[in-house]
Amino acid sequence: MTDAQLLILLSTLSTGLILGAIFSLVAAGVTIVYGCVWLPNASNGQFFLLAALVAWTFTASLGWSSWLAAIAVIVLGIGLSYLLEWILIRRLYDTPNRNVAYFVVTLGMTQIMTGIFSMTYAKWSDQFSLPPVVDGISMLGPFPLSNNRLLVMVVSLLVLVALFALLRYHPYGRALRAVFQNREAAALRGVDVRSIYRLSFVLGSSIIFLGGILFALAYSFDLTVAWTMSITAFAIMIIGGPGSVIGALVVGMTFGFTQAIVSIFASPTAATFSYLGAMLVILLFRPSGLFKR
């Protein structure tokens, strides 16, 4: 293998891993909320963008470091998630066909947040980026990889591992999986279903906020990333199977590598919708998803 071929291979692998890990994180957050609460959160892309923009505000306007801004955004995101659940989400728990009601409500939230971003951040800049947490590059053979992107990739993968451990071994994770599979049976076995709803919404939303911060650390972004990520996360959830975190991981990684490969060998524009074509093909054969629960 020549140096040029190795360079292309390593570039594809690194980009695919970074994008795939971030896609998987956000889709895992979306599928946890949907699988547990039956809440198809149409505003997940706006949550993703909100985290990135608030982190940018802390670094650009207040002079904070990126790591301090990231911690502050996560704390604020957890508080916002609890507040939304308390004010809005829990009021629809007993609504017939609440998934439809939730979708309409979150579509409204999407429009409100889009308008706010357009009236504020769109007037300040058309491109945003966070300063790196760590400087320098690491050489993988002939390929130079930014230490900051390497950190983003490692953190994303570690969070995914921690999420799987939580869902697999922690009592909350076992209760959440029980609610995934059968709400009535879980309630009969003593699971506080409403508490699991609340914790699942907060956990899923916090993961989406984290995905937004990690993306902003790895790449520059604009306001259109909200719609792109919203469609991507829903596509991953549908293909992987609603409620399946392992499906979110497998399909998220597939989407990440697909976008990386198409971006390198075709064009970045084609890469942004290439995996949606793959989604349509997969759904022709598995309309209920690859990992239906």
C-alpha atoms as a PDB file:
ATOM      1  CA  MET A   1       0.000   0.000   0.000  1.00  0.00           C
ATOM      2  CA  THR A   2       1.410   3.367  -1.015  1.00  0.00           C
ATOM      3  CA  ASP A   3       1.570   6.372   1.318  1.00  0.00           C
ATOM      4  CA  ALA A   4      -1.223   8.054  -0.673  1.00  0.00           C
ATOM      5  CA  GLN A   5      -3.508   5.036  -0.297  1.00  0.00           C
ATOM      6  CA  LEU A   6      -2.664   4.735   3.406  1.00  0.00           C
ATOM      7  CA  LEU A   7      -3.392   8.446   3.844  1.00  0.00           C
ATOM      8  CA  ILE A   8      -6.841   8.038   2.269  1.00  0.00           C
ATOM      9  CA  LEU A   9      -7.557   4.944   4.366  1.00  0.00           C
ATOM     10  CA  LEU A  10      -6.567   6.575   7.655  1.00  0.00           C
ATOM     11  CA  SER A  11      -8.474   9.752   6.789  1.00  0.00           C
ATOM     12  CA  THR A  12     -11.592   7.699   6.069  1.00  0.00           C
ATOM     13  CA  LEU A  13     -11.232   5.661   9.259  1.00  0.00           C
ATOM     14  CA  SER A  14     -10.687   8.687  11.522  1.00  0.00           C
ATOM     15  CA  THR A  15     -13.507  10.738   9.990  1.00  0.00           C
ATOM     16  CA  GLY A  16     -15.844   7.756  10.010  1.00  0.00           C
ATOM     17  CA  LEU A  17     -15.111   6.996  13.665  1.00  0.00           C
ATOM     18  CA  ILE A  18     -15.586  10.598  14.788  1.00  0.00           C
ATOM     19  CA  LEU A  19     -18.794  11.180  12.834  1.00  0.00           C
ATOM     20  CA  GLY A  20     -20.090   7.696  13.591  1.00  0.00           C
ATOM     21  CA  ALA A  21     -19.512   8.063  17.332  1.00  0.00           C
ATOM     22  CA  ILE A  22     -21.286  11.444  17.407  1.00  0.00           C
ATOM     23  CA  PHE A  23     -24.155  10.187  15.244  1.00  0.00           C
ATOM     24  CA  SER A  24     -24.476   7.137  17.502  1.00  0.00           C
ATOM     25  CA  LEU A  25     -24.528   9.268  20.657  1.00  0.00           C
ATOM     26  CA  VAL A  26     -27.257  11.581  19.404  1.00  0.00           C
ATOM     27  CA  ALA A  27     -29.311   8.706  17.983  1.00  0.00           C
ATOM     28  CA  ALA A  28     -28.938   6.809  21.275  1.00  0.00           C
ATOM     29  CA  GLY A  29     -30.368   9.817  23.103  1.00  0.00           C
ATOM     30  CA  VAL A  30     -33.270  10.024  20.649  1.00  0.00           C
ATOM     31  CA  THR A  31     -34.025   6.300  20.780  1.00  0.00           C
ATOM     32  CA  ILE A  32     -33.881   6.144  24.610  1.00  0.00           C
ATOM     33  CA  VAL A  33     -36.502   8.884  24.827  1.00  0.00           C
ATOM     34  CA  TYR A  34     -38.670   7.406  22.099  1.00  0.00           C
ATOM     35  CA  GLY A  35     -38.369   3.803  23.221  1.00  0.00           C
ATOM     36  CA  CYS A  36     -39.226   4.612  26.827  1.00  0.00           C
ATOM     37  CA  VAL A  37     -41.567   7.616  26.680  1.00  0.00           C
ATOM     38  CA  TRP A  38     -42.942   7.178  23.127  1.00  0.00           C
ATOM     39  CA  LEU A  39     -41.713  10.689  22.468  1.00  0.00           C
ATOM     40  CA  PRO A  40     -40.526  11.295  18.884  1.00  0.00           C
ATOM     41  CA  ASN A  41     -38.555  14.454  19.685  1.00  0.00           C
ATOM     42  CA  ALA A  42     -38.658  16.540  16.509  1.00  0.00           C
ATOM     43  CA  SER A  43     -36.573  19.208  18.284  1.00  0.00           C
ATOM     44  CA  ASN A  44     -33.557  16.956  18.918  1.00  0.00           C
ATOM     45  CA  GLY A  45     -31.563  18.777  16.233  1.00  0.00           C
ATOM     46  CA  GLN A  46     -32.332  22.118  17.864  1.00  0.00           C
ATOM     47  CA  PHE A  47     -31.167  20.756  21.242  1.00  0.00           C
ATOM     48  CA  PHE A  48     -27.977  19.615  19.504  1.00  0.00           C
ATOM     49  CA  LEU A  49     -27.443  23.087  18.007  1.00  0.00           C
ATOM     50  CA  LEU A  50     -28.404  24.867  21.245  1.00  0.00           C
ATOM     51  CA  ALA A  51     -25.616  23.094  23.138  1.00  0.00           C
ATOM     52  CA  ALA A  52     -23.054  24.029  20.493  1.00  0.00           C
ATOM     53  CA  LEU A  53     -24.203  27.675  20.340  1.00  0.00           C
ATOM     54  CA  VAL A  54     -24.267  28.162  24.110  1.00  0.00           C
ATOM     55  CA  ALA A  55     -20.774  26.671  24.373  1.00  0.00           C
ATOM     56  CA  TRP A  56     -19.645  29.050  21.602  1.00  0.00           C
ATOM     57  CA  THR A  57     -21.211  31.986  23.491  1.00  0.00           C
ATOM     58  CA  PHE A  58     -19.304  31.095  26.669  1.00  0.00           C
ATOM     59  CA  THR A  59     -15.996  30.877  24.800  1.00  0.00           C
ATOM     60  CA  ALA A  60     -16.434  33.829  22.426  1.00  0.00           C
ATOM     61  CA  SER A  61     -18.224  36.308  24.703  1.00  0.00           C
ATOM     62  CA  LEU A  62     -17.023  35.355  28.183  1.00  0.00           C
ATOM     63  CA  GLY A  63     -13.578  34.053  27.284  1.00  0.00           C
ATOM     64  CA  TRP A  64     -14.111  30.663  28.924  1.00  0.00           C
ATOM     65  CA  SER A  65     -12.060  27.666  27.909  1.00  0.00           C
ATOM     66  CA  SER A  66     -13.852  25.023  25.834  1.00  0.00           C
ATOM     67  CA  TRP A  67     -13.726  22.384  28.566  1.00  0.00           C
ATOM     68  CA  LEU A  68     -15.251  24.777  31.121  1.00  0.00           C
ATOM     69  CA  ALA A  69     -17.930  25.810  28.612  1.00  0.00           C
ATOM     70  CA  ALA A  70     -18.681  22.131  27.899  1.00  0.00           C
ATOM     71  CA  ILE A  71     -19.176  21.331  31.593  1.00  0.00           C
ATOM     72  CA  ALA A  72     -21.407  24.384  32.051  1.00  0.00           C
ATOM     73  CA  VAL A  73     -23.544  23.459  29.030  1.00  0.00           C
ATOM     74  CA  ILE A  74     -24.042  19.897  30.277  1.00  0.00           C
ATOM     75  CA  VAL A  75     -25.108  21.143  33.716  1.00  0.00           C
ATOM     76  CA  LEU A  76     -27.476  23.682  32.151  1.00  0.00           C
ATOM     77  CA  GLY A  77     -28.768  21.027  29.737  1.00  0.00           C
ATOM     78  CA  ILE A  78     -29.642  18.661  32.575  1.00  0.00           C
ATOM     79  CA  GLY A  79     -31.478  21.479  34.348  1.00  0.00           C
ATOM     80  CA  LEU A  80     -33.341  22.445  31.168  1.00  0.00           C
ATOM     81  CA  SER A  81     -34.337  18.803  30.583  1.00  0.00           C
ATOM     82  CA  TYR A  82     -35.788  18.495  34.083  1.00  0.00           C
ATOM     83  CA  LEU A  83     -37.627  21.796  33.615  1.00  0.00           C
ATOM     84  CA  LEU A  84     -39.119  20.745  30.260  1.00  0.00           C
ATOM     85  CA  GLU A  85     -40.216  17.410  31.691  1.00  0.00           C
ATOM     86  CA  TRP A  86     -41.831  19.093  34.701  1.00  0.00           C
ATOM     87  CA  ILE A  87     -43.583  21.871  32.761  1.00  0.00           C
ATOM     88  CA  LEU A  88     -44.542  20.133  29.530  1.00  0.00           C
ATOM     89  CA  ILE A  89     -43.628  16.490  28.909  1.00  0.00           C
ATOM     90  CA  ARG A  90     -45.262  14.866  31.948  1.00  0.00           C
ATOM     91  CA  ARG A  91     -48.602  16.534  31.210  1.00  0.00           C
ATOM     92  CA  LEU A  92     -49.007  14.304  28.147  1.00  0.00           C
ATOM     93  CA  TYR A  93     -48.052  10.953  29.725  1.00  0.00           C
ATOM     94  CA  ASP A  94     -51.678   9.811  29.907  1.00  0.00           C
ATOM     95  CA  THR A  95     -52.793  11.294  26.578  1.00  0.00           C
ATOM     96  CA  PRO A  96     -54.154   8.755  24.055  1.00  0.00           C
ATOM     97  CA  ASN A  97     -51.786   8.486  21.074  1.00  0.00           C
ATOM     98  CA  ARG A  98     -49.336  10.645  22.963  1.00  0.00           C
ATOM     99  CA  ASN A  99     -46.589  10.007  20.395  1.00  0.00           C
ATOM    100  CA  VAL A 100     -48.579  12.139  17.929  1.00  0.00           C
ATOM    101  CA  ALA A 101     -49.159  14.837  20.561  1.00  0.00           C
ATOM    102  CA  TYR A 102     -45.474  14.848  21.462  1.00  0.00           C
ATOM    103  CA  PHE A 103     -44.445  15.104  17.822  1.00  0.00           C
ATOM    104  CA  VAL A 104     -46.698  18.126  17.272  1.00  0.00           C
ATOM    105  CA  VAL A 105     -45.468  19.795  20.479  1.00  0.00           C
ATOM    106  CA  THR A 106     -41.791  19.248  19.663  1.00  0.00           C
ATOM    107  CA  LEU A 107     -42.362  20.496  16.112  1.00  0.00           C
ATOM    108  CA  GLY A 108     -43.656  23.693  17.692  1.00  0.00           C
ATOM    109  CA  MET A 109     -40.564  23.855  19.895  1.00  0.00           C
ATOM    110  CA  THR A 110     -38.446  23.409  16.781  1.00  0.00           C
ATOM    111  CA  GLN A 111     -40.064  26.362  15.053  1.00  0.00           C
ATOM    112  CA  ILE A 112     -39.701  28.567  18.132  1.00  0.00           C
ATOM    113  CA  MET A 113     -36.028  27.695  18.618  1.00  0.00           C
ATOM    114  CA  THR A 114     -35.294  28.114  14.898  1.00  0.00           C
ATOM    115  CA  GLY A 115     -36.810  31.589  15.015  1.00  0.00           C
ATOM    116  CA  ILE A 116     -34.802  32.536  18.095  1.00  0.00           C
ATOM    117  CA  PHE A 117     -31.554  31.333  16.522  1.00  0.00           C
ATOM    118  CA  SER A 118     -32.329  33.230  13.305  1.00  0.00           C
ATOM    119  CA  MET A 119     -32.998  36.465  15.188  1.00  0.00           C
ATOM    120  CA  THR A 120     -29.860  36.206  17.315  1.00  0.00           C
ATOM    121  CA  TYR A 121     -26.961  34.010  16.233  1.00  0.00           C
ATOM    122  CA  ALA A 122     -27.657  34.316  12.490  1.00  0.00           C
ATOM    123  CA  LYS A 123     -27.035  38.072  12.794  1.00  0.00           C
ATOM    124  CA  TRP A 124     -23.690  37.563  14.535  1.00  0.00           C
ATOM    125  CA  SER A 125     -22.080  35.019  12.241  1.00  0.00           C
ATOM    126  CA  ASP A 126     -22.762  32.390   9.586  1.00  0.00           C
ATOM    127  CA  GLN A 127     -20.071  30.011  10.869  1.00  0.00           C
ATOM    128  CA  PHE A 128     -19.146  28.995  14.406  1.00  0.00           C
ATOM    129  CA  SER A 129     -16.355  26.977  15.990  1.00  0.00           C
ATOM    130  CA  LEU A 130     -14.996  26.272  19.450  1.00  0.00           C
ATOM    131  CA  PRO A 131     -11.328  26.658  20.365  1.00  0.00           C
ATOM    132  CA  PRO A 132      -9.596  23.291  20.761  1.00  0.00           C
ATOM    133  CA  VAL A 133      -9.358  21.702  24.186  1.00  0.00           C
ATOM    134  CA  VAL A 134      -5.900  20.352  23.345  1.00  0.00           C
ATOM    135  CA  ASP A 135      -3.463  21.617  20.710  1.00  0.00           C
ATOM    136  CA  GLY A 136      -1.126  19.805  18.361  1.00  0.00           C
ATOM    137  CA  ILE A 137      -1.398  16.801  16.093  1.00  0.00           C
ATOM    138  CA  SER A 138      -0.629  13.094  16.328  1.00  0.00           C
ATOM    139  CA  MET A 139       0.886  11.250  13.366  1.00  0.00           C
ATOM    140  CA  LEU A 140      -0.799   7.978  12.397  1.00  0.00           C
ATOM    141  CA  GLY A 141       1.760   6.881   9.852  1.00  0.00           C
ATOM    142  CA  PRO A 142       1.621   9.569   7.152  1.00  0.00           C
ATOM    143  CA  PHE A 143      -1.723  10.926   8.388  1.00  0.00           C
ATOM    144  CA  PRO A 144      -1.790  13.938  10.765  1.00  0.00           C
ATOM    145  CA  LEU A 145      -4.753  13.769  13.148  1.00  0.00           C
ATOM    146  CA  SER A 146      -5.646  16.738  15.319  1.00  0.00           C
ATOM    147  CA  ASN A 147      -5.269  15.927  19.006  1.00  0.00           C
ATOM    148  CA  ASN A 148      -8.526  17.776  19.599  1.00  0.00           C
ATOM    149  CA  ARG A 149     -10.432  15.528  17.191  1.00  0.00           C
ATOM    150  CA  LEU A 150      -8.709  12.508  18.676  1.00  0.00           C
ATOM    151  CA  LEU A 151      -9.963  13.591  22.099  1.00  0.00           C
ATOM    152  CA  VAL A 152     -13.501  14.026  20.737  1.00  0.00           C
ATOM    153  CA  MET A 153     -13.402  10.523  19.264  1.00  0.00           C
ATOM    154  CA  VAL A 154     -12.123   8.961  22.506  1.00  0.00           C
ATOM    155  CA  VAL A 155     -14.665  10.815  24.674  1.00  0.00           C
ATOM    156  CA  SER A 156     -17.531   9.852  22.332  1.00  0.00           C
ATOM    157  CA  LEU A 157     -16.585   6.177  22.390  1.00  0.00           C
ATOM    158  CA  LEU A 158     -16.076   6.178  26.172  1.00  0.00           C
ATOM    159  CA  VAL A 159     -19.512   7.744  26.703  1.00  0.00           C
ATOM    160  CA  LEU A 160     -21.059   5.083  24.475  1.00  0.00           C
ATOM    161  CA  VAL A 161     -19.342   2.355  26.502  1.00  0.00           C
ATOM    162  CA  ALA A 162     -20.532   3.983  29.758  1.00  0.00           C
ATOM    163  CA  LEU A 163     -24.067   4.201  28.365  1.00  0.00           C
ATOM    164  CA  PHE A 164     -24.101   0.516  27.501  1.00  0.00           C
ATOM    165  CA  ALA A 165     -22.754  -0.369  30.949  1.00  0.00           C
ATOM    166  CA  LEU A 166     -25.459   1.781  32.555  1.00  0.00           C
ATOM    167  CA  LEU A 167     -28.253   0.167  30.569  1.00  0.00           C
ATOM    168  CA  ARG A 168     -26.852  -3.331  31.042  1.00  0.00           C
ATOM    169  CA  TYR A 169     -25.793  -3.470  34.692  1.00  0.00           C
ATOM    170  CA  HIS A 170     -27.302  -0.562  36.661  1.00  0.00           C
ATOM    171  CA  PRO A 171     -30.746  -1.027  38.295  1.00  0.00           C
ATOM    172  CA  TYR A 172     -31.994   2.050  36.434  1.00  0.00           C
ATOM    173  CA  GLY A 173     -30.807   0.538  33.162  1.00  0.00           C
ATOM    174  CA  ARG A 174     -32.585  -2.734  33.852  1.00  0.00           C
ATOM    175  CA  ALA A 175     -35.766  -0.854  34.795  1.00  0.00           C
ATOM    176  CA  LEU A 176     -35.515   1.248  31.640  1.00  0.00           C
ATOM    177  CA  ARG A 177     -35.130  -1.861  29.477  1.00  0.00           C
ATOM    178  CA  ALA A 178     -38.132  -3.404  31.227  1.00  0.00           C
ATOM    179  CA  VAL A 179     -40.210  -0.332  30.351  1.00  0.00           C
ATOM    180  CA  PHE A 180     -38.870  -0.530  26.787  1.00  0.00           C
ATOM    181  CA  GLN A 181     -40.171  -4.057  26.451  1.00  0.00           C
ATOM    182  CA  ASN A 182     -43.474  -3.961  28.341  1.00  0.00           C
ATOM    183  CA  ARG A 183     -44.693  -1.001  30.388  1.00  0.00           C
ATOM    184  CA  GLU A 184     -47.568  -2.817  32.053  1.00  0.00           C
ATOM    185  CA  ALA A 185     -45.458  -5.797  33.095  1.00  0.00           C
ATOM    186  CA  ALA A 186     -42.745  -3.467  34.413  1.00  0.00           C
ATOM    187  CA  ALA A 187     -45.310  -1.603  36.529  1.00  0.00           C
ATOM    188  CA  LEU A 188     -46.637  -4.881  37.929  1.00  0.00           C
ATOM    189  CA  ARG A 189     -43.094  -5.799  38.986  1.00  0.00           C
ATOM    190  CA  GLY A 190     -42.796  -2.599  41.006  1.00  0.00           C
ATOM    191  CA  VAL A 191     -41.053  -0.301  38.525  1.00  0.00           C
ATOM    192  CA  ASP A 192     -42.005   3.361  38.965  1.00  0.00           C
ATOM    193  CA  VAL A 193     -42.760   3.929  35.296  1.00  0.00           C
ATOM    194  CA  ARG A 194     -43.233   7.692  35.570  1.00  0.00           C
ATOM    195  CA  SER A 195     -39.854   8.103  37.267  1.00  0.00           C
ATOM    196  CA  ILE A 196     -38.256   6.057  34.487  1.00  0.00           C
ATOM    197  CA  TYR A 197     -39.981   8.317  31.949  1.00  0.00           C
ATOM    198  CA  ARG A 198     -38.505  11.379  33.631  1.00  0.00           C
ATOM    199  CA  LEU A 199     -34.994   9.964  33.971  1.00  0.00           C
ATOM    200  CA  SER A 200     -35.045   8.673  30.399  1.00  0.00           C
ATOM    201  CA  PHE A 201     -36.037  12.063  29.011  1.00  0.00           C
ATOM    202  CA  VAL A 202     -33.285  13.778  30.998  1.00  0.00           C
ATOM    203  CA  LEU A 203     -30.688  11.147  30.059  1.00  0.00           C
ATOM    204  CA  GLY A 204     -31.588  11.159  26.371  1.00  0.00           C
ATOM    205  CA  SER A 205     -31.657  14.959  26.174  1.00  0.00           C
ATOM    206  CA  SER A 206     -28.331  15.266  28.009  1.00  0.00           C
ATOM    207  CA  ILE A 207     -26.715  12.852  25.554  1.00  0.00           C
ATOM    208  CA  ILE A 208     -27.977  15.008  22.671  1.00  0.00           C
ATOM    209  CA  PHE A 209     -26.501  18.114  24.337  1.00  0.00           C
ATOM    210  CA  LEU A 210     -23.190  16.306  24.737  1.00  0.00           C
ATOM    211  CA  GLY A 211     -23.251  15.285  21.078  1.00  0.00           C
ATOM    212  CA  GLY A 212     -23.693  18.927  20.088  1.00  0.00           C
ATOM    213  CA  ILE A 213     -20.695  20.008  22.156  1.00  0.00           C
ATOM    214  CA  LEU A 214     -18.467  17.238  20.792  1.00  0.00           C
ATOM    215  CA  PHE A 215     -19.434  18.058  17.215  1.00  0.00           C
ATOM    216  CA  ALA A 216     -18.653  21.738  17.784  1.00  0.00           C
ATOM    217  CA  LEU A 217     -15.254  20.802  19.194  1.00  0.00           C
ATOM    218  CA  ALA A 218     -14.414  18.645  16.181  1.00  0.00           C
ATOM    219  CA  TYR A 219     -15.870  20.729  13.344  1.00  0.00           C
ATOM    220  CA  SER A 220     -17.036  24.225  12.521  1.00  0.00           C
ATOM    221  CA  PHE A 221     -20.815  24.450  12.153  1.00  0.00           C
ATOM    222  CA  ASP A 222     -23.672  26.687  11.078  1.00  0.00           C
ATOM    223  CA  LEU A 223     -27.356  26.871  11.910  1.00  0.00           C
ATOM    224  CA  THR A 224     -28.334  24.307   9.266  1.00  0.00           C
ATOM    225  CA  VAL A 225     -26.645  21.541  11.274  1.00  0.00           C
ATOM    226  CA  ALA A 226     -29.781  21.315  13.442  1.00  0.00           C
ATOM    227  CA  TRP A 227     -31.950  20.075  10.581  1.00  0.00           C
ATOM    228  CA  THR A 228     -29.236  17.769   9.274  1.00  0.00           C
ATOM    229  CA  MET A 229     -28.733  16.165  12.673  1.00  0.00           C
ATOM    230  CA  SER A 230     -32.468  15.916  13.334  1.00  0.00           C
ATOM    231  CA  ILE A 231     -33.034  13.981  10.100  1.00  0.00           C
ATOM    232  CA  THR A 232     -29.906  11.879  10.656  1.00  0.00           C
ATOM    233  CA  ALA A 233     -30.857  10.907  14.218  1.00  0.00           C
ATOM    234  CA  PHE A 234     -34.385   9.927  13.194  1.00  0.00           C
ATOM    235  CA  ALA A 235     -33.067   7.927  10.242  1.00  0.00           C
ATOM    236  CA  ILE A 236     -30.640   6.048  12.496  1.00  0.00           C
ATOM    237  CA  MET A 237     -33.380   5.351  15.037  1.00  0.00           C
ATOM    238  CA  ILE A 238     -35.772   4.052  12.378  1.00  0.00           C
ATOM    239  CA  ILE A 239     -33.196   1.788  10.740  1.00  0.00           C
ATOM    240  CA  GLY A 240     -31.704   0.577  14.009  1.00  0.00           C
ATOM    241  CA  GLY A 241     -35.113  -0.025  15.510  1.00  0.00           C
ATOM    242  CA  PRO A 242     -36.947   2.337  17.885  1.00  0.00           C
ATOM    243  CA  GLY A 243     -35.752   1.737  21.439  1.00  0.00           C
ATOM    244  CA  SER A 244     -32.607  -0.161  20.406  1.00  0.00           C
ATOM    245  CA  VAL A 245     -29.386   1.485  21.594  1.00  0.00           C
ATOM    246  CA  ILE A 246     -27.260  -1.204  19.930  1.00  0.00           C
ATOM    247  CA  GLY A 247     -29.115  -0.392  16.711  1.00  0.00           C
ATOM    248  CA  ALA A 248     -28.248   3.286  17.164  1.00  0.00           C
ATOM    249  CA  LEU A 249     -24.571   2.380  17.578  1.00  0.00           C
ATOM    250  CA  VAL A 250     -24.356   0.036  14.582  1.00  0.00           C
ATOM    251  CA  VAL A 251     -26.312   2.252  12.196  1.00  0.00           C
ATOM    252  CA  GLY A 252     -24.689   5.456  13.504  1.00  0.00           C
ATOM    253  CA  MET A 253     -21.241   4.058  12.782  1.00  0.00           C
ATOM    254  CA  THR A 254     -22.432   2.893   9.354  1.00  0.00           C
ATOM    255  CA  PHE A 255     -23.741   6.379   8.579  1.00  0.00           C
ATOM    256  CA  GLY A 256     -20.490   7.964   9.789  1.00  0.00           C
ATOM    257  CA  PHE A 257     -18.319   5.784   7.572  1.00  0.00           C
ATOM    258  CA  THR A 258     -20.708   6.200   4.634  1.00  0.00           C
ATOM    259  CA  GLN A 259     -20.485   9.976   4.889  1.00  0.00           C
ATOM    260  CA  ALA A 260     -16.696   9.838   5.265  1.00  0.00           C
ATOM    261  CA  ILE A 261     -16.236   7.590   2.227  1.00  0.00           C
ATOM    262  CA  VAL A 262     -18.605   9.538  -0.025  1.00  0.00           C
ATOM    263  CA  SER A 263     -17.066  12.837   1.111  1.00  0.00           C
ATOM    264  CA  ILE A 264     -13.578  11.679   0.158  1.00  0.00           C
ATOM    265  CA  PHE A 265     -14.359   9.884  -3.113  1.00  0.00           C
ATOM    266  CA  ALA A 266     -17.297  11.979  -4.352  1.00  0.00           C
ATOM    267  CA  SER A 267     -18.154  15.295  -2.672  1.00  0.00           C
ATOM    268  CA  PRO A 268     -19.139  16.641   0.765  1.00  0.00           C
ATOM    269  CA  THR A 269     -22.491  17.723  -0.695  1.00  0.00           C
ATOM    270  CA  ALA A 270     -23.333  14.204  -1.827  1.00  0.00           C
ATOM    271  CA  ALA A 271     -22.136  12.863   1.532  1.00  0.00           C
ATOM    272  CA  THR A 272     -24.805  14.796   3.421  1.00  0.00           C
ATOM    273  CA  PHE A 273     -27.617  12.742   1.862  1.00  0.00           C
ATOM    274  CA  SER A 274     -25.837   9.553   0.730  1.00  0.00           C
ATOM    275  CA  TYR A 275     -26.813   7.587   3.843  1.00  0.00           C
ATOM    276  CA  LEU A 276     -30.461   8.556   3.439  1.00  0.00           C
ATOM    277  CA  GLY A 277     -30.468   6.589   0.206  1.00  0.00           C
ATOM    278  CA  ALA A 278     -29.043   3.633   2.108  1.00  0.00           C
ATOM    279  CA  MET A 279     -31.829   4.092   4.669  1.00  0.00           C
ATOM    280  CA  LEU A 280     -34.525   3.746   2.012  1.00  0.00           C
ATOM    281  CA  VAL A 281     -32.942   0.586   0.628  1.00  0.00           C
ATOM    282  CA  ILE A 282     -32.658  -1.029   4.083  1.00  0.00           C
ATOM    283  CA  LEU A 283     -36.245  -0.162   4.985  1.00  0.00           C
ATOM    284  CA  LEU A 284     -37.489  -1.849   1.821  1.00  0.00           C
ATOM    285  CA  PHE A 285     -36.269  -5.143   3.284  1.00  0.00           C
ATOM    286  CA  ARG A 286     -36.580  -4.459   7.044  1.00  0.00           C
ATOM    287  CA  PRO A 287     -39.374  -1.881   7.500  1.00  0.00           C
ATOM    288  CA  SER A 288     -39.445  -2.408  11.291  1.00  0.00           C
ATOM    289  CA  GLY A 289     -35.706  -1.783  11.672  1.00  0.00           C
ATOM    290  CA  LEU A 290     -32.637  -3.987  11.918  1.00  0.00           C
ATOM    291  CA  PHE A 291     -32.799  -4.394  15.698  1.00  0.00           C
ATOM    292  CA  LYS A 292     -36.511  -4.291  16.498  1.00  0.00           C
ATOM    293  CA  ARG A 293     -37.076  -4.706  20.235  1.00  0.00           C
END
